[in-house]
Amino acid sequence: MLRAFLKAAVLAAGVLLVPVAALACEGGKVLMEDNFSKLNRAWGVAVDPKVERLDGEGLSTDYPPGTVKRAISQWGFFDNAVICATYKVTYNCTDADRCETQPYVGLIVWGVDLENYYAFEVAPLVGIYSVQRLQNNKWLTPVNWTALPGNRKFAAGDKFELSAVMKGNMVTFKVNDRPVIEFEAMAPEGGSLVGFELAAAQTGRSKTQLNLSRFEVRELTPESQ
């Protein structure tokens, strides 16, 4: 389903590109912050020097097709909070017949461990999103891949922000502070772990350049609800 939707999105006409905007995580006091100037071991992952680097602009990749990196921070448990991550995606499809999938990035919330969490995933170059759930290491798709509101898309290399406003059993997922979907589920008791996803195109020959330059968790305030 993902492959078919992505292929259709690539071929669709009338692409609406979103201009780059100033990005600022909403919310109050900063509870967690990482600009990836160096690797924080609390992420529980290593940097593969063959395809990843910390280059002054954050965590940057040069992933071959099929590569996916997921990380959940052991920094702490968070409840009633705002989570934000800033990304860039660059991908040059040189063979349209082999570009049936596109790169995507994700924001992980309501995590218990790497086998139990929710992920808000966005393929920015074709302007689609989904909500995925991993439960006991089995995948569920509460919200299948669908177009972003207003058919929003981003040009290769544009910075954009994914955010999640968590309050109780409700979460509002946003792109550049614009609401995309409100979602209800059972949040873990005692707070949840948070994290990120970086995924290259799954097919084709071209490599994918991804960049994660900022990850923040802030207190929930009345203004950010």
C-alpha atoms as a PDB file:
ATOM      1  CA  MET A   1       0.000   0.000   0.000  1.00  0.00           C
ATOM      2  CA  LEU A   2       2.788   2.433   0.895  1.00  0.00           C
ATOM      3  CA  ARG A   3       4.647   1.726  -2.338  1.00  0.00           C
ATOM      4  CA  ALA A   4       1.528   2.237  -4.460  1.00  0.00           C
ATOM      5  CA  PHE A   5       0.586   5.452  -2.666  1.00  0.00           C
ATOM      6  CA  LEU A   6       4.075   6.876  -2.948  1.00  0.00           C
ATOM      7  CA  LYS A   7       4.280   6.076  -6.642  1.00  0.00           C
ATOM      8  CA  ALA A   8       0.945   7.752  -7.243  1.00  0.00           C
ATOM      9  CA  ALA A   9       2.081  10.785  -5.252  1.00  0.00           C
ATOM     10  CA  VAL A  10       5.283  11.113  -7.264  1.00  0.00           C
ATOM     11  CA  LEU A  11       3.351  11.117 -10.520  1.00  0.00           C
ATOM     12  CA  ALA A  12       0.560  13.430  -9.333  1.00  0.00           C
ATOM     13  CA  ALA A  13       0.313  16.872 -10.869  1.00  0.00           C
ATOM     14  CA  GLY A  14      -0.173  20.190  -9.130  1.00  0.00           C
ATOM     15  CA  VAL A  15       2.608  19.951  -6.554  1.00  0.00           C
ATOM     16  CA  LEU A  16       2.293  22.624  -3.861  1.00  0.00           C
ATOM     17  CA  LEU A  17       5.695  23.412  -2.395  1.00  0.00           C
ATOM     18  CA  VAL A  18       5.794  24.970   1.043  1.00  0.00           C
ATOM     19  CA  PRO A  19       8.245  27.868   1.537  1.00  0.00           C
ATOM     20  CA  VAL A  20      10.838  27.529   4.261  1.00  0.00           C
ATOM     21  CA  ALA A  21       9.649  29.111   7.509  1.00  0.00           C
ATOM     22  CA  ALA A  22      11.332  29.935  10.778  1.00  0.00           C
ATOM     23  CA  LEU A  23      11.062  26.919  13.064  1.00  0.00           C
ATOM     24  CA  ALA A  24      10.520  27.233  16.793  1.00  0.00           C
ATOM     25  CA  CYS A  25       9.248  24.489  19.063  1.00  0.00           C
ATOM     26  CA  GLU A  26       6.134  25.617  20.913  1.00  0.00           C
ATOM     27  CA  GLY A  27       5.683  24.928  24.603  1.00  0.00           C
ATOM     28  CA  GLY A  28       7.308  26.142  27.797  1.00  0.00           C
ATOM     29  CA  LYS A  29      10.374  25.041  29.737  1.00  0.00           C
ATOM     30  CA  VAL A  30      12.842  22.870  27.841  1.00  0.00           C
ATOM     31  CA  LEU A  31      12.914  19.372  29.346  1.00  0.00           C
ATOM     32  CA  MET A  32      15.238  17.776  26.789  1.00  0.00           C
ATOM     33  CA  GLU A  33      17.313  19.236  23.968  1.00  0.00           C
ATOM     34  CA  ASP A  34      19.780  17.787  21.479  1.00  0.00           C
ATOM     35  CA  ASN A  35      21.334  19.532  18.467  1.00  0.00           C
ATOM     36  CA  PHE A  36      23.442  16.473  17.582  1.00  0.00           C
ATOM     37  CA  SER A  37      26.761  18.275  17.772  1.00  0.00           C
ATOM     38  CA  LYS A  38      27.928  15.016  19.322  1.00  0.00           C
ATOM     39  CA  LEU A  39      26.267  11.686  19.931  1.00  0.00           C
ATOM     40  CA  ASN A  40      24.328  11.444  23.164  1.00  0.00           C
ATOM     41  CA  ARG A  41      24.549   7.866  24.373  1.00  0.00           C
ATOM     42  CA  ALA A  42      21.054   8.143  25.820  1.00  0.00           C
ATOM     43  CA  TRP A  43      19.767   7.495  22.281  1.00  0.00           C
ATOM     44  CA  GLY A  44      21.062   3.951  22.516  1.00  0.00           C
ATOM     45  CA  VAL A  45      22.443   3.946  18.954  1.00  0.00           C
ATOM     46  CA  ALA A  46      25.841   4.352  17.352  1.00  0.00           C
ATOM     47  CA  VAL A  47      26.943   6.443  14.363  1.00  0.00           C
ATOM     48  CA  ASP A  48      27.923   4.318  11.368  1.00  0.00           C
ATOM     49  CA  PRO A  49      30.853   6.244   9.818  1.00  0.00           C
ATOM     50  CA  LYS A  50      30.187   4.635   6.433  1.00  0.00           C
ATOM     51  CA  VAL A  51      26.779   6.286   6.017  1.00  0.00           C
ATOM     52  CA  GLU A  52      26.342   8.721   8.949  1.00  0.00           C
ATOM     53  CA  ARG A  53      28.189  11.708  10.372  1.00  0.00           C
ATOM     54  CA  LEU A  54      27.888  14.488  12.934  1.00  0.00           C
ATOM     55  CA  ASP A  55      28.908  17.415  10.753  1.00  0.00           C
ATOM     56  CA  GLY A  56      28.041  20.608  12.606  1.00  0.00           C
ATOM     57  CA  GLU A  57      24.572  20.643  11.060  1.00  0.00           C
ATOM     58  CA  GLY A  58      23.343  17.701  13.114  1.00  0.00           C
ATOM     59  CA  LEU A  59      23.079  14.009  12.323  1.00  0.00           C
ATOM     60  CA  SER A  60      23.452  13.675   8.551  1.00  0.00           C
ATOM     61  CA  THR A  61      23.181  10.527   6.460  1.00  0.00           C
ATOM     62  CA  ASP A  62      24.019   9.162   3.037  1.00  0.00           C
ATOM     63  CA  TYR A  63      21.843   6.067   3.162  1.00  0.00           C
ATOM     64  CA  PRO A  64      21.632   3.383   0.483  1.00  0.00           C
ATOM     65  CA  PRO A  65      18.116   2.172  -0.396  1.00  0.00           C
ATOM     66  CA  GLY A  66      16.348   0.236   2.330  1.00  0.00           C
ATOM     67  CA  THR A  67      18.158   1.819   5.282  1.00  0.00           C
ATOM     68  CA  VAL A  68      16.083   2.728   8.347  1.00  0.00           C
ATOM     69  CA  LYS A  69      17.320   4.092  11.678  1.00  0.00           C
ATOM     70  CA  ARG A  70      15.078   4.271  14.741  1.00  0.00           C
ATOM     71  CA  ALA A  71      16.104   5.539  18.157  1.00  0.00           C
ATOM     72  CA  ILE A  72      14.253   6.002  21.441  1.00  0.00           C
ATOM     73  CA  SER A  73      15.868   8.227  24.060  1.00  0.00           C
ATOM     74  CA  GLN A  74      16.555   6.978  27.557  1.00  0.00           C
ATOM     75  CA  TRP A  75      16.716  10.610  28.720  1.00  0.00           C
ATOM     76  CA  GLY A  76      13.491  10.274  30.681  1.00  0.00           C
ATOM     77  CA  PHE A  77       9.750   9.640  30.652  1.00  0.00           C
ATOM     78  CA  PHE A  78       7.515  12.472  29.475  1.00  0.00           C
ATOM     79  CA  ASP A  79       3.833  13.148  29.969  1.00  0.00           C
ATOM     80  CA  ASN A  80       1.787  16.178  28.872  1.00  0.00           C
ATOM     81  CA  ALA A  81       4.593  17.598  26.770  1.00  0.00           C
ATOM     82  CA  VAL A  82       5.477  18.954  23.319  1.00  0.00           C
ATOM     83  CA  ILE A  83       8.012  17.040  21.222  1.00  0.00           C
ATOM     84  CA  CYS A  84       9.682  18.668  18.201  1.00  0.00           C
ATOM     85  CA  ALA A  85      12.269  17.520  15.657  1.00  0.00           C
ATOM     86  CA  THR A  86      13.780  19.419  12.713  1.00  0.00           C
ATOM     87  CA  TYR A  87      14.640  17.523   9.527  1.00  0.00           C
ATOM     88  CA  LYS A  88      15.878  17.915   5.954  1.00  0.00           C
ATOM     89  CA  VAL A  89      15.446  15.317   3.196  1.00  0.00           C
ATOM     90  CA  THR A  90      17.307  15.241  -0.125  1.00  0.00           C
ATOM     91  CA  TYR A  91      16.678  12.523  -2.668  1.00  0.00           C
ATOM     92  CA  ASN A  92      17.246  12.571  -6.419  1.00  0.00           C
ATOM     93  CA  CYS A  93      15.334   9.933  -8.323  1.00  0.00           C
ATOM     94  CA  THR A  94      17.316   9.108 -11.442  1.00  0.00           C
ATOM     95  CA  ASP A  95      15.126   6.216 -12.621  1.00  0.00           C
ATOM     96  CA  ALA A  96      11.392   6.831 -12.276  1.00  0.00           C
ATOM     97  CA  ASP A  97      10.579   3.148 -12.763  1.00  0.00           C
ATOM     98  CA  ARG A  98      12.621   2.304  -9.673  1.00  0.00           C
ATOM     99  CA  CYS A  99      11.471   5.190  -7.469  1.00  0.00           C
ATOM    100  CA  GLU A 100       8.294   3.606  -6.181  1.00  0.00           C
ATOM    101  CA  THR A 101       9.148   4.537  -2.600  1.00  0.00           C
ATOM    102  CA  GLN A 102      10.316   7.813  -1.133  1.00  0.00           C
ATOM    103  CA  PRO A 103      12.314   8.723   1.979  1.00  0.00           C
ATOM    104  CA  TYR A 104      10.445   9.516   5.171  1.00  0.00           C
ATOM    105  CA  VAL A 105      11.218  10.735   8.671  1.00  0.00           C
ATOM    106  CA  GLY A 106       9.311  10.150  11.861  1.00  0.00           C
ATOM    107  CA  LEU A 107       8.607  11.296  15.389  1.00  0.00           C
ATOM    108  CA  ILE A 108       8.220   8.545  17.986  1.00  0.00           C
ATOM    109  CA  VAL A 109       5.871   9.112  20.942  1.00  0.00           C
ATOM    110  CA  TRP A 110       4.183   7.048  23.646  1.00  0.00           C
ATOM    111  CA  GLY A 111       7.152   4.710  23.620  1.00  0.00           C
ATOM    112  CA  VAL A 112       7.762   1.954  26.123  1.00  0.00           C
ATOM    113  CA  ASP A 113      10.721   0.391  24.303  1.00  0.00           C
ATOM    114  CA  LEU A 114      11.812  -0.315  20.726  1.00  0.00           C
ATOM    115  CA  GLU A 115       9.020  -2.888  20.391  1.00  0.00           C
ATOM    116  CA  ASN A 116       6.169  -0.685  21.624  1.00  0.00           C
ATOM    117  CA  TYR A 117       5.531   2.872  20.425  1.00  0.00           C
ATOM    118  CA  TYR A 118       3.620   5.142  18.020  1.00  0.00           C
ATOM    119  CA  ALA A 119       5.266   6.969  15.117  1.00  0.00           C
ATOM    120  CA  PHE A 120       4.139   9.992  13.127  1.00  0.00           C
ATOM    121  CA  GLU A 121       5.820   9.526   9.745  1.00  0.00           C
ATOM    122  CA  VAL A 122       6.079  12.060   6.918  1.00  0.00           C
ATOM    123  CA  ALA A 123       7.415  11.648   3.373  1.00  0.00           C
ATOM    124  CA  PRO A 124       7.986  15.378   2.729  1.00  0.00           C
ATOM    125  CA  LEU A 125       8.955  15.317  -0.944  1.00  0.00           C
ATOM    126  CA  VAL A 126       5.594  13.794  -1.922  1.00  0.00           C
ATOM    127  CA  GLY A 127       3.559  15.294   0.933  1.00  0.00           C
ATOM    128  CA  ILE A 128       2.051  12.294   2.690  1.00  0.00           C
ATOM    129  CA  TYR A 129       1.921  11.092   6.302  1.00  0.00           C
ATOM    130  CA  SER A 130       0.867   8.120   8.387  1.00  0.00           C
ATOM    131  CA  VAL A 131       0.570   7.040  12.009  1.00  0.00           C
ATOM    132  CA  GLN A 132       2.118   3.659  12.725  1.00  0.00           C
ATOM    133  CA  ARG A 133       2.016   1.610  15.902  1.00  0.00           C
ATOM    134  CA  LEU A 134       4.482  -1.060  16.931  1.00  0.00           C
ATOM    135  CA  GLN A 135       2.927  -3.317  19.572  1.00  0.00           C
ATOM    136  CA  ASN A 136       4.895  -6.279  20.901  1.00  0.00           C
ATOM    137  CA  ASN A 137       7.113  -5.901  17.810  1.00  0.00           C
ATOM    138  CA  LYS A 138       4.133  -6.233  15.439  1.00  0.00           C
ATOM    139  CA  TRP A 139       3.136  -3.372  13.135  1.00  0.00           C
ATOM    140  CA  LEU A 140      -0.306  -1.785  13.077  1.00  0.00           C
ATOM    141  CA  THR A 141      -1.408   1.192  10.962  1.00  0.00           C
ATOM    142  CA  PRO A 142      -3.971   3.344  12.818  1.00  0.00           C
ATOM    143  CA  VAL A 143      -3.745   6.022  10.084  1.00  0.00           C
ATOM    144  CA  ASN A 144      -2.730   4.855   6.619  1.00  0.00           C
ATOM    145  CA  TRP A 145      -0.608   6.972   4.297  1.00  0.00           C
ATOM    146  CA  THR A 146      -2.582   9.987   3.133  1.00  0.00           C
ATOM    147  CA  ALA A 147      -1.933  13.469   1.749  1.00  0.00           C
ATOM    148  CA  LEU A 148      -0.949  16.256   4.122  1.00  0.00           C
ATOM    149  CA  PRO A 149      -3.623  18.949   4.567  1.00  0.00           C
ATOM    150  CA  GLY A 150      -3.628  21.380   1.675  1.00  0.00           C
ATOM    151  CA  ASN A 151      -1.485  18.972  -0.374  1.00  0.00           C
ATOM    152  CA  ARG A 152       1.608  20.396   1.300  1.00  0.00           C
ATOM    153  CA  LYS A 153       4.967  19.210   0.011  1.00  0.00           C
ATOM    154  CA  PHE A 154       8.556  20.264   0.614  1.00  0.00           C
ATOM    155  CA  ALA A 155      11.420  20.778  -1.795  1.00  0.00           C
ATOM    156  CA  ALA A 156      14.570  18.712  -1.412  1.00  0.00           C
ATOM    157  CA  GLY A 157      16.813  20.260   1.238  1.00  0.00           C
ATOM    158  CA  ASP A 158      14.077  22.332   2.908  1.00  0.00           C
ATOM    159  CA  LYS A 159      14.076  22.331   6.697  1.00  0.00           C
ATOM    160  CA  PHE A 160      10.805  21.405   8.340  1.00  0.00           C
ATOM    161  CA  GLU A 161       9.612  20.531  11.824  1.00  0.00           C
ATOM    162  CA  LEU A 162       7.511  17.620  13.038  1.00  0.00           C
ATOM    163  CA  SER A 163       5.885  18.053  16.418  1.00  0.00           C
ATOM    164  CA  ALA A 164       3.550  16.223  18.754  1.00  0.00           C
ATOM    165  CA  VAL A 165       1.474  17.833  21.487  1.00  0.00           C
ATOM    166  CA  MET A 166       0.738  15.131  24.059  1.00  0.00           C
ATOM    167  CA  LYS A 167      -1.974  15.610  26.660  1.00  0.00           C
ATOM    168  CA  GLY A 168      -3.311  12.593  28.484  1.00  0.00           C
ATOM    169  CA  ASN A 169      -4.492  10.054  25.911  1.00  0.00           C
ATOM    170  CA  MET A 170      -4.621  12.646  23.120  1.00  0.00           C
ATOM    171  CA  VAL A 171      -1.851  13.696  20.773  1.00  0.00           C
ATOM    172  CA  THR A 172      -1.923  16.312  18.022  1.00  0.00           C
ATOM    173  CA  PHE A 173       0.650  15.793  15.292  1.00  0.00           C
ATOM    174  CA  LYS A 174       1.830  18.870  13.396  1.00  0.00           C
ATOM    175  CA  VAL A 175       4.112  19.894  10.543  1.00  0.00           C
ATOM    176  CA  ASN A 176       5.678  23.352  10.910  1.00  0.00           C
ATOM    177  CA  ASP A 177       3.228  24.016  13.756  1.00  0.00           C
ATOM    178  CA  ARG A 178       0.218  23.351  11.507  1.00  0.00           C
ATOM    179  CA  PRO A 179      -2.094  20.599  12.814  1.00  0.00           C
ATOM    180  CA  VAL A 180      -2.207  17.467  10.676  1.00  0.00           C
ATOM    181  CA  ILE A 181      -4.188  14.998  12.768  1.00  0.00           C
ATOM    182  CA  GLU A 182      -5.448  14.559  16.324  1.00  0.00           C
ATOM    183  CA  PHE A 183      -5.145  11.028  17.589  1.00  0.00           C
ATOM    184  CA  GLU A 184      -6.433   9.219  20.685  1.00  0.00           C
ATOM    185  CA  ALA A 185      -4.914   6.091  22.217  1.00  0.00           C
ATOM    186  CA  MET A 186      -3.837   4.656  25.560  1.00  0.00           C
ATOM    187  CA  ALA A 187      -0.754   6.554  26.685  1.00  0.00           C
ATOM    188  CA  PRO A 188       1.707   4.560  28.816  1.00  0.00           C
ATOM    189  CA  GLU A 189       1.215   5.016  32.532  1.00  0.00           C
ATOM    190  CA  GLY A 190       3.899   7.113  34.179  1.00  0.00           C
ATOM    191  CA  GLY A 191       4.960   8.888  30.995  1.00  0.00           C
ATOM    192  CA  SER A 192       6.441   7.791  27.703  1.00  0.00           C
ATOM    193  CA  LEU A 193       9.730   7.612  25.862  1.00  0.00           C
ATOM    194  CA  VAL A 194      10.252   9.626  22.667  1.00  0.00           C
ATOM    195  CA  GLY A 195      12.465   9.279  19.631  1.00  0.00           C
ATOM    196  CA  PHE A 196      13.030   9.635  15.896  1.00  0.00           C
ATOM    197  CA  GLU A 197      13.058   7.738  12.611  1.00  0.00           C
ATOM    198  CA  LEU A 198      15.221   8.238   9.514  1.00  0.00           C
ATOM    199  CA  ALA A 199      14.294   6.159   6.473  1.00  0.00           C
ATOM    200  CA  ALA A 200      15.822   6.093   3.002  1.00  0.00           C
ATOM    201  CA  ALA A 201      13.851   5.240  -0.122  1.00  0.00           C
ATOM    202  CA  GLN A 202      13.265   1.505   0.023  1.00  0.00           C
ATOM    203  CA  THR A 203      13.822   0.777  -3.670  1.00  0.00           C
ATOM    204  CA  GLY A 204      15.866   2.147  -6.548  1.00  0.00           C
ATOM    205  CA  ARG A 205      19.568   2.926  -6.786  1.00  0.00           C
ATOM    206  CA  SER A 206      19.820   6.491  -5.494  1.00  0.00           C
ATOM    207  CA  LYS A 207      21.096   7.247  -2.010  1.00  0.00           C
ATOM    208  CA  THR A 208      19.123   9.411   0.409  1.00  0.00           C
ATOM    209  CA  GLN A 209      20.525  12.361   2.346  1.00  0.00           C
ATOM    210  CA  LEU A 210      18.685  12.933   5.615  1.00  0.00           C
ATOM    211  CA  ASN A 211      19.450  15.430   8.348  1.00  0.00           C
ATOM    212  CA  LEU A 212      18.208  15.701  11.929  1.00  0.00           C
ATOM    213  CA  SER A 213      19.436  18.961  13.426  1.00  0.00           C
ATOM    214  CA  ARG A 214      17.315  19.412  16.541  1.00  0.00           C
ATOM    215  CA  PHE A 215      15.200  17.389  18.947  1.00  0.00           C
ATOM    216  CA  GLU A 216      13.364  19.016  21.849  1.00  0.00           C
ATOM    217  CA  VAL A 217      10.863  18.178  24.551  1.00  0.00           C
ATOM    218  CA  ARG A 218       9.088  21.089  26.258  1.00  0.00           C
ATOM    219  CA  GLU A 219       6.522  21.497  28.978  1.00  0.00           C
ATOM    220  CA  LEU A 220       2.922  21.695  27.796  1.00  0.00           C
ATOM    221  CA  THR A 221       1.500  25.183  28.269  1.00  0.00           C
ATOM    222  CA  PRO A 222      -2.052  26.538  27.755  1.00  0.00           C
ATOM    223  CA  GLU A 223      -0.824  28.298  24.593  1.00  0.00           C
ATOM    224  CA  SER A 224       0.521  25.075  23.056  1.00  0.00           C
ATOM    225  CA  GLN A 225      -2.635  23.001  23.636  1.00  0.00           C
END
